[in-house]
Amino acid sequence: MSWTWLGIAVLALIAAACIMGFRKGFVKEIVSVFFMLISFLLVWAVNPYVNTFVKEYTPVYDTIQDKCQTLVSEQIGNKKTLDKEEQNQVMENMELPDLLKNALVENNTAETYRYLAVSTFTEYISDSLAVMAVNGISFLISFVLSAAVIKLLGFILNVLTKLPVINGINKIAGAAVGGIKCIIFIWIAFLVLTLLCNTTLGQQGMALIQQDAFLNFLYSQNVFVKVFMSVFYGN
């Protein structure tokens, strides 16, 4: 595994965020991170409603579900039933990240079938991927809406008060916080790509990540992906 242009670009982005944090200082960066955390709380509050809207009032869920059913049907051919080994082989051959493949294999159980209200292997795969795609899209929409609200609040706060610039430690701490904030946004982008892994955009993005050593490391440490997988597939 080597470095790619995308990995270098992401590293440059993190470096730029550190420089911006150094210039802004620790206090302003901490306030910025505080607003970002508030935006995440807003996301989790708004997301269920956005998720319901996307699933029930847009064709996204049904479209992805139909495409996934067609894909699985093409792989299994004329076979009406598959044993466990054959099902695992079908999932292994799918162009998905290993994290999702492993999750699909581990959760290919009767309990999960009851939870998703499905009765066949094809329905299990198509419903699982459709649910993940809808969750990713609704999360992204919720995040954009929440970020807009926080941006407005930040603008109002900036007008009302001026934060003092303190010493060099403030600058260095600001650089660190700026870098961390940038990594959080990158993790969110990785989460969206993971949830859209059954689309062309998601597959191309995941391929670039897996080809680059730095991006692959960032992806392996992605807290949001791990939390999502534990929530969606947790027992």
C-alpha atoms as a PDB file:
ATOM      1  CA  MET A   1       0.000   0.000   0.000  1.00  0.00           C
ATOM      2  CA  SER A   2       1.365   3.409  -0.987  1.00  0.00           C
ATOM      3  CA  TRP A   3       0.475   7.069  -0.839  1.00  0.00           C
ATOM      4  CA  THR A   4      -1.912   8.496  -3.449  1.00  0.00           C
ATOM      5  CA  TRP A   5      -2.769  12.016  -4.541  1.00  0.00           C
ATOM      6  CA  LEU A   6      -5.947  11.892  -2.437  1.00  0.00           C
ATOM      7  CA  GLY A   7      -4.037  10.893   0.698  1.00  0.00           C
ATOM      8  CA  ILE A   8      -1.568  13.747   0.172  1.00  0.00           C
ATOM      9  CA  ALA A   9      -4.471  16.160  -0.417  1.00  0.00           C
ATOM     10  CA  VAL A  10      -6.181  15.068   2.813  1.00  0.00           C
ATOM     11  CA  LEU A  11      -2.918  15.419   4.749  1.00  0.00           C
ATOM     12  CA  ALA A  12      -2.493  18.924   3.283  1.00  0.00           C
ATOM     13  CA  LEU A  13      -6.065  19.736   4.324  1.00  0.00           C
ATOM     14  CA  ILE A  14      -5.344  18.691   7.915  1.00  0.00           C
ATOM     15  CA  ALA A  15      -2.136  20.765   7.883  1.00  0.00           C
ATOM     16  CA  ALA A  16      -4.077  23.776   6.579  1.00  0.00           C
ATOM     17  CA  ALA A  17      -6.643  23.306   9.355  1.00  0.00           C
ATOM     18  CA  CYS A  18      -3.816  23.270  11.924  1.00  0.00           C
ATOM     19  CA  ILE A  19      -2.419  26.508  10.485  1.00  0.00           C
ATOM     20  CA  MET A  20      -5.856  28.130  10.581  1.00  0.00           C
ATOM     21  CA  GLY A  21      -6.275  26.950  14.165  1.00  0.00           C
ATOM     22  CA  PHE A  22      -2.867  28.433  15.034  1.00  0.00           C
ATOM     23  CA  ARG A  23      -3.907  31.778  13.571  1.00  0.00           C
ATOM     24  CA  LYS A  24      -7.312  31.777  15.255  1.00  0.00           C
ATOM     25  CA  GLY A  25      -6.061  30.567  18.620  1.00  0.00           C
ATOM     26  CA  PHE A  26      -7.236  27.991  21.127  1.00  0.00           C
ATOM     27  CA  VAL A  27     -10.191  29.927  22.508  1.00  0.00           C
ATOM     28  CA  LYS A  28     -11.860  30.512  19.160  1.00  0.00           C
ATOM     29  CA  GLU A  29     -11.158  26.948  18.063  1.00  0.00           C
ATOM     30  CA  ILE A  30     -12.669  25.560  21.269  1.00  0.00           C
ATOM     31  CA  VAL A  31     -15.766  27.693  20.734  1.00  0.00           C
ATOM     32  CA  SER A  32     -15.897  26.399  17.164  1.00  0.00           C
ATOM     33  CA  VAL A  33     -15.632  22.786  18.339  1.00  0.00           C
ATOM     34  CA  PHE A  34     -18.323  23.447  20.958  1.00  0.00           C
ATOM     35  CA  PHE A  35     -20.643  24.664  18.220  1.00  0.00           C
ATOM     36  CA  MET A  36     -19.770  21.597  16.163  1.00  0.00           C
ATOM     37  CA  LEU A  37     -20.678  19.297  19.061  1.00  0.00           C
ATOM     38  CA  ILE A  38     -23.959  21.161  19.447  1.00  0.00           C
ATOM     39  CA  SER A  39     -24.580  20.613  15.745  1.00  0.00           C
ATOM     40  CA  PHE A  40     -24.084  16.856  16.251  1.00  0.00           C
ATOM     41  CA  LEU A  41     -26.703  16.914  19.005  1.00  0.00           C
ATOM     42  CA  LEU A  42     -29.045  18.694  16.613  1.00  0.00           C
ATOM     43  CA  VAL A  43     -28.277  16.081  13.966  1.00  0.00           C
ATOM     44  CA  TRP A  44     -29.321  13.224  16.250  1.00  0.00           C
ATOM     45  CA  ALA A  45     -32.457  15.147  17.239  1.00  0.00           C
ATOM     46  CA  VAL A  46     -33.485  15.976  13.662  1.00  0.00           C
ATOM     47  CA  ASN A  47     -32.215  12.850  11.897  1.00  0.00           C
ATOM     48  CA  PRO A  48     -35.143  10.501  12.764  1.00  0.00           C
ATOM     49  CA  TYR A  49     -37.594  12.905  11.120  1.00  0.00           C
ATOM     50  CA  VAL A  50     -35.383  13.428   8.074  1.00  0.00           C
ATOM     51  CA  ASN A  51     -34.852   9.668   7.837  1.00  0.00           C
ATOM     52  CA  THR A  52     -38.595   9.032   7.846  1.00  0.00           C
ATOM     53  CA  PHE A  53     -39.135  11.698   5.195  1.00  0.00           C
ATOM     54  CA  VAL A  54     -36.423  10.318   2.888  1.00  0.00           C
ATOM     55  CA  LYS A  55     -37.676   6.749   3.290  1.00  0.00           C
ATOM     56  CA  GLU A  56     -41.405   7.405   2.927  1.00  0.00           C
ATOM     57  CA  TYR A  57     -41.605  10.430   0.631  1.00  0.00           C
ATOM     58  CA  THR A  58     -38.689   9.908  -1.771  1.00  0.00           C
ATOM     59  CA  PRO A  59     -37.871   7.017  -4.151  1.00  0.00           C
ATOM     60  CA  VAL A  60     -34.385   6.539  -2.663  1.00  0.00           C
ATOM     61  CA  TYR A  61     -35.129   3.490  -0.504  1.00  0.00           C
ATOM     62  CA  ASP A  62     -37.138   1.591  -3.119  1.00  0.00           C
ATOM     63  CA  THR A  63     -34.658   2.410  -5.892  1.00  0.00           C
ATOM     64  CA  ILE A  64     -31.633   1.154  -3.953  1.00  0.00           C
ATOM     65  CA  GLN A  65     -33.549  -1.881  -2.732  1.00  0.00           C
ATOM     66  CA  ASP A  66     -34.529  -2.841  -6.294  1.00  0.00           C
ATOM     67  CA  LYS A  67     -30.969  -2.403  -7.588  1.00  0.00           C
ATOM     68  CA  CYS A  68     -29.564  -4.530  -4.774  1.00  0.00           C
ATOM     69  CA  GLN A  69     -32.132  -7.257  -5.366  1.00  0.00           C
ATOM     70  CA  THR A  70     -31.186  -7.312  -9.056  1.00  0.00           C
ATOM     71  CA  LEU A  71     -27.485  -7.485  -8.172  1.00  0.00           C
ATOM     72  CA  VAL A  72     -27.927 -10.387  -5.766  1.00  0.00           C
ATOM     73  CA  SER A  73     -30.262 -12.210  -8.155  1.00  0.00           C
ATOM     74  CA  GLU A  74     -27.635 -11.991 -10.893  1.00  0.00           C
ATOM     75  CA  GLN A  75     -25.028 -13.525  -8.594  1.00  0.00           C
ATOM     76  CA  ILE A  76     -27.138 -16.439  -7.371  1.00  0.00           C
ATOM     77  CA  GLY A  77     -28.552 -17.247 -10.819  1.00  0.00           C
ATOM     78  CA  ASN A  78     -31.465 -19.678 -10.949  1.00  0.00           C
ATOM     79  CA  LYS A  79     -30.918 -21.051  -7.445  1.00  0.00           C
ATOM     80  CA  LYS A  80     -33.949 -20.536  -5.237  1.00  0.00           C
ATOM     81  CA  THR A  81     -32.179 -21.440  -2.004  1.00  0.00           C
ATOM     82  CA  LEU A  82     -28.569 -21.094  -0.874  1.00  0.00           C
ATOM     83  CA  ASP A  83     -26.796 -22.762   1.996  1.00  0.00           C
ATOM     84  CA  LYS A  84     -24.759 -20.728   4.480  1.00  0.00           C
ATOM     85  CA  GLU A  85     -21.490 -21.226   2.617  1.00  0.00           C
ATOM     86  CA  GLU A  86     -22.999 -20.104  -0.683  1.00  0.00           C
ATOM     87  CA  GLN A  87     -24.538 -17.045   0.964  1.00  0.00           C
ATOM     88  CA  ASN A  88     -21.173 -16.107   2.469  1.00  0.00           C
ATOM     89  CA  GLN A  89     -19.558 -16.476  -0.948  1.00  0.00           C
ATOM     90  CA  VAL A  90     -22.127 -14.145  -2.520  1.00  0.00           C
ATOM     91  CA  MET A  91     -21.473 -11.511   0.148  1.00  0.00           C
ATOM     92  CA  GLU A  92     -17.704 -11.942  -0.233  1.00  0.00           C
ATOM     93  CA  ASN A  93     -17.959 -11.300  -3.979  1.00  0.00           C
ATOM     94  CA  MET A  94     -19.852  -8.036  -3.504  1.00  0.00           C
ATOM     95  CA  GLU A  95     -17.899  -4.817  -4.082  1.00  0.00           C
ATOM     96  CA  LEU A  96     -18.207  -3.588  -0.517  1.00  0.00           C
ATOM     97  CA  PRO A  97     -15.702  -2.583   2.196  1.00  0.00           C
ATOM     98  CA  ASP A  98     -14.548  -5.491   4.354  1.00  0.00           C
ATOM     99  CA  LEU A  99     -16.189  -3.845   7.363  1.00  0.00           C
ATOM    100  CA  LEU A 100     -19.614  -4.062   5.721  1.00  0.00           C
ATOM    101  CA  LYS A 101     -19.012  -7.531   4.308  1.00  0.00           C
ATOM    102  CA  ASN A 102     -18.128  -8.833   7.759  1.00  0.00           C
ATOM    103  CA  ALA A 103     -21.177  -7.145   9.263  1.00  0.00           C
ATOM    104  CA  LEU A 104     -23.472  -8.668   6.637  1.00  0.00           C
ATOM    105  CA  VAL A 105     -21.985 -12.118   7.227  1.00  0.00           C
ATOM    106  CA  GLU A 106     -22.176 -11.887  11.028  1.00  0.00           C
ATOM    107  CA  ASN A 107     -25.762 -10.628  11.007  1.00  0.00           C
ATOM    108  CA  ASN A 108     -27.085 -13.109   8.466  1.00  0.00           C
ATOM    109  CA  THR A 109     -29.223 -14.692  11.167  1.00  0.00           C
ATOM    110  CA  ALA A 110     -32.879 -15.463  11.792  1.00  0.00           C
ATOM    111  CA  GLU A 111     -32.987 -12.747  14.453  1.00  0.00           C
ATOM    112  CA  THR A 112     -31.858 -10.100  11.963  1.00  0.00           C
ATOM    113  CA  TYR A 113     -34.363 -11.385   9.395  1.00  0.00           C
ATOM    114  CA  ARG A 114     -37.148 -10.867  11.943  1.00  0.00           C
ATOM    115  CA  TYR A 115     -35.825  -7.397  12.797  1.00  0.00           C
ATOM    116  CA  LEU A 116     -35.825  -6.363   9.112  1.00  0.00           C
ATOM    117  CA  ALA A 117     -39.109  -8.198   8.437  1.00  0.00           C
ATOM    118  CA  VAL A 118     -37.591 -10.200   5.565  1.00  0.00           C
ATOM    119  CA  SER A 119     -37.774 -13.884   4.713  1.00  0.00           C
ATOM    120  CA  THR A 120     -35.133 -14.475   2.025  1.00  0.00           C
ATOM    121  CA  PHE A 121     -31.403 -13.918   1.654  1.00  0.00           C
ATOM    122  CA  THR A 122     -31.949 -11.548  -1.287  1.00  0.00           C
ATOM    123  CA  GLU A 123     -34.343  -9.431   0.760  1.00  0.00           C
ATOM    124  CA  TYR A 124     -31.873  -9.388   3.665  1.00  0.00           C
ATOM    125  CA  ILE A 125     -29.046  -7.992   1.510  1.00  0.00           C
ATOM    126  CA  SER A 126     -31.187  -5.468  -0.364  1.00  0.00           C
ATOM    127  CA  ASP A 127     -32.950  -4.210   2.771  1.00  0.00           C
ATOM    128  CA  SER A 128     -29.700  -3.939   4.755  1.00  0.00           C
ATOM    129  CA  LEU A 129     -27.944  -1.900   2.058  1.00  0.00           C
ATOM    130  CA  ALA A 130     -31.027   0.240   1.409  1.00  0.00           C
ATOM    131  CA  VAL A 131     -31.370   1.045   5.116  1.00  0.00           C
ATOM    132  CA  MET A 132     -27.684   1.993   5.339  1.00  0.00           C
ATOM    133  CA  ALA A 133     -27.949   4.231   2.253  1.00  0.00           C
ATOM    134  CA  VAL A 134     -31.037   6.015   3.582  1.00  0.00           C
ATOM    135  CA  ASN A 135     -29.361   6.455   6.973  1.00  0.00           C
ATOM    136  CA  GLY A 136     -26.323   7.981   5.281  1.00  0.00           C
ATOM    137  CA  ILE A 137     -28.350  10.383   3.145  1.00  0.00           C
ATOM    138  CA  SER A 138     -30.588  11.482   6.015  1.00  0.00           C
ATOM    139  CA  PHE A 139     -27.546  11.967   8.272  1.00  0.00           C
ATOM    140  CA  LEU A 140     -25.913  14.181   5.645  1.00  0.00           C
ATOM    141  CA  ILE A 141     -29.064  16.283   5.180  1.00  0.00           C
ATOM    142  CA  SER A 142     -29.504  16.622   8.948  1.00  0.00           C
ATOM    143  CA  PHE A 143     -25.870  17.661   9.342  1.00  0.00           C
ATOM    144  CA  VAL A 144     -26.164  20.361   6.659  1.00  0.00           C
ATOM    145  CA  LEU A 145     -29.320  21.762   8.269  1.00  0.00           C
ATOM    146  CA  SER A 146     -27.768  21.722  11.750  1.00  0.00           C
ATOM    147  CA  ALA A 147     -24.539  23.296  10.489  1.00  0.00           C
ATOM    148  CA  ALA A 148     -26.546  26.135   8.934  1.00  0.00           C
ATOM    149  CA  VAL A 149     -28.276  26.815  12.262  1.00  0.00           C
ATOM    150  CA  ILE A 150     -24.983  26.745  14.167  1.00  0.00           C
ATOM    151  CA  LYS A 151     -23.350  29.015  11.586  1.00  0.00           C
ATOM    152  CA  LEU A 152     -26.085  31.567  12.147  1.00  0.00           C
ATOM    153  CA  LEU A 153     -25.668  31.339  15.930  1.00  0.00           C
ATOM    154  CA  GLY A 154     -21.904  31.721  15.556  1.00  0.00           C
ATOM    155  CA  PHE A 155     -22.341  34.828  13.444  1.00  0.00           C
ATOM    156  CA  ILE A 156     -24.638  36.359  16.037  1.00  0.00           C
ATOM    157  CA  LEU A 157     -22.176  35.516  18.835  1.00  0.00           C
ATOM    158  CA  ASN A 158     -19.276  36.988  16.876  1.00  0.00           C
ATOM    159  CA  VAL A 159     -21.175  40.239  16.526  1.00  0.00           C
ATOM    160  CA  LEU A 160     -22.012  40.378  20.224  1.00  0.00           C
ATOM    161  CA  THR A 161     -18.602  39.572  21.641  1.00  0.00           C
ATOM    162  CA  LYS A 162     -14.894  39.630  20.799  1.00  0.00           C
ATOM    163  CA  LEU A 163     -12.613  36.897  22.059  1.00  0.00           C
ATOM    164  CA  PRO A 164      -9.122  38.059  23.159  1.00  0.00           C
ATOM    165  CA  VAL A 165      -5.980  36.622  21.631  1.00  0.00           C
ATOM    166  CA  ILE A 166      -3.817  35.210  24.394  1.00  0.00           C
ATOM    167  CA  ASN A 167      -0.283  33.761  24.180  1.00  0.00           C
ATOM    168  CA  GLY A 168       1.686  31.303  22.066  1.00  0.00           C
ATOM    169  CA  ILE A 169       0.187  28.325  23.880  1.00  0.00           C
ATOM    170  CA  ASN A 170      -3.196  29.535  22.727  1.00  0.00           C
ATOM    171  CA  LYS A 171      -1.959  29.438  19.114  1.00  0.00           C
ATOM    172  CA  ILE A 172      -0.440  25.955  19.373  1.00  0.00           C
ATOM    173  CA  ALA A 173      -3.512  24.563  21.127  1.00  0.00           C
ATOM    174  CA  GLY A 174      -5.654  26.190  18.452  1.00  0.00           C
ATOM    175  CA  ALA A 175      -3.634  24.412  15.762  1.00  0.00           C
ATOM    176  CA  ALA A 176      -4.219  21.061  17.475  1.00  0.00           C
ATOM    177  CA  VAL A 177      -7.942  21.663  17.836  1.00  0.00           C
ATOM    178  CA  GLY A 178      -8.160  22.832  14.219  1.00  0.00           C
ATOM    179  CA  GLY A 179      -6.496  19.630  13.033  1.00  0.00           C
ATOM    180  CA  ILE A 180      -8.796  17.467  15.151  1.00  0.00           C
ATOM    181  CA  LYS A 181     -11.835  19.309  13.826  1.00  0.00           C
ATOM    182  CA  CYS A 182     -10.681  18.700  10.258  1.00  0.00           C
ATOM    183  CA  ILE A 183     -10.217  14.982  10.954  1.00  0.00           C
ATOM    184  CA  ILE A 184     -13.754  14.828  12.352  1.00  0.00           C
ATOM    185  CA  PHE A 185     -15.132  16.264   9.102  1.00  0.00           C
ATOM    186  CA  ILE A 186     -13.036  13.771   7.121  1.00  0.00           C
ATOM    187  CA  TRP A 187     -14.436  10.945   9.261  1.00  0.00           C
ATOM    188  CA  ILE A 188     -17.949  12.163   8.474  1.00  0.00           C
ATOM    189  CA  ALA A 189     -17.123  12.102   4.759  1.00  0.00           C
ATOM    190  CA  PHE A 190     -15.780   8.557   5.149  1.00  0.00           C
ATOM    191  CA  LEU A 191     -18.984   7.544   6.946  1.00  0.00           C
ATOM    192  CA  VAL A 192     -21.101   8.880   4.083  1.00  0.00           C
ATOM    193  CA  LEU A 193     -18.967   6.978   1.548  1.00  0.00           C
ATOM    194  CA  THR A 194     -19.322   3.817   3.633  1.00  0.00           C
ATOM    195  CA  LEU A 195     -23.092   4.125   3.755  1.00  0.00           C
ATOM    196  CA  LEU A 196     -23.212   4.784  -0.004  1.00  0.00           C
ATOM    197  CA  CYS A 197     -20.809   1.954  -0.807  1.00  0.00           C
ATOM    198  CA  ASN A 198     -23.342   0.272  -3.095  1.00  0.00           C
ATOM    199  CA  THR A 199     -23.374   3.330  -5.388  1.00  0.00           C
ATOM    200  CA  THR A 200     -20.813   4.301  -8.019  1.00  0.00           C
ATOM    201  CA  LEU A 201     -19.680   7.331  -5.990  1.00  0.00           C
ATOM    202  CA  GLY A 202     -19.300   5.289  -2.819  1.00  0.00           C
ATOM    203  CA  GLN A 203     -17.383   2.479  -4.539  1.00  0.00           C
ATOM    204  CA  GLN A 204     -14.975   4.912  -6.214  1.00  0.00           C
ATOM    205  CA  GLY A 205     -14.404   6.741  -2.935  1.00  0.00           C
ATOM    206  CA  MET A 206     -13.800   3.546  -0.968  1.00  0.00           C
ATOM    207  CA  ALA A 207     -11.391   2.311  -3.651  1.00  0.00           C
ATOM    208  CA  LEU A 208      -9.324   5.497  -3.300  1.00  0.00           C
ATOM    209  CA  ILE A 209      -9.284   5.121   0.486  1.00  0.00           C
ATOM    210  CA  GLN A 210      -8.136   1.493   0.352  1.00  0.00           C
ATOM    211  CA  GLN A 211      -5.325   2.366  -2.097  1.00  0.00           C
ATOM    212  CA  ASP A 212      -3.787   5.024   0.175  1.00  0.00           C
ATOM    213  CA  ALA A 213      -1.873   4.179   3.368  1.00  0.00           C
ATOM    214  CA  PHE A 214      -2.759   7.411   5.194  1.00  0.00           C
ATOM    215  CA  LEU A 215      -6.447   7.355   4.232  1.00  0.00           C
ATOM    216  CA  ASN A 216      -6.703   3.675   5.116  1.00  0.00           C
ATOM    217  CA  PHE A 217      -5.259   4.453   8.563  1.00  0.00           C
ATOM    218  CA  LEU A 218      -7.745   7.307   9.088  1.00  0.00           C
ATOM    219  CA  TYR A 219     -10.592   5.029   7.993  1.00  0.00           C
ATOM    220  CA  SER A 220      -9.528   2.265  10.398  1.00  0.00           C
ATOM    221  CA  GLN A 221      -9.679   4.793  13.265  1.00  0.00           C
ATOM    222  CA  ASN A 222     -13.051   6.262  12.211  1.00  0.00           C
ATOM    223  CA  VAL A 223     -15.142   6.543  15.362  1.00  0.00           C
ATOM    224  CA  PHE A 224     -18.326   7.392  13.462  1.00  0.00           C
ATOM    225  CA  VAL A 225     -18.159   4.261  11.289  1.00  0.00           C
ATOM    226  CA  LYS A 226     -17.520   2.086  14.364  1.00  0.00           C
ATOM    227  CA  VAL A 227     -20.406   3.674  16.285  1.00  0.00           C
ATOM    228  CA  PHE A 228     -22.750   3.329  13.319  1.00  0.00           C
ATOM    229  CA  MET A 229     -21.858  -0.325  12.826  1.00  0.00           C
ATOM    230  CA  SER A 230     -22.317  -1.054  16.543  1.00  0.00           C
ATOM    231  CA  VAL A 231     -25.719   0.676  16.580  1.00  0.00           C
ATOM    232  CA  PHE A 232     -27.023  -0.815  13.341  1.00  0.00           C
ATOM    233  CA  TYR A 233     -25.624  -4.301  13.803  1.00  0.00           C
ATOM    234  CA  GLY A 234     -25.332  -4.415  17.588  1.00  0.00           C
ATOM    235  CA  ASN A 235     -27.168  -7.120  19.411  1.00  0.00           C
END
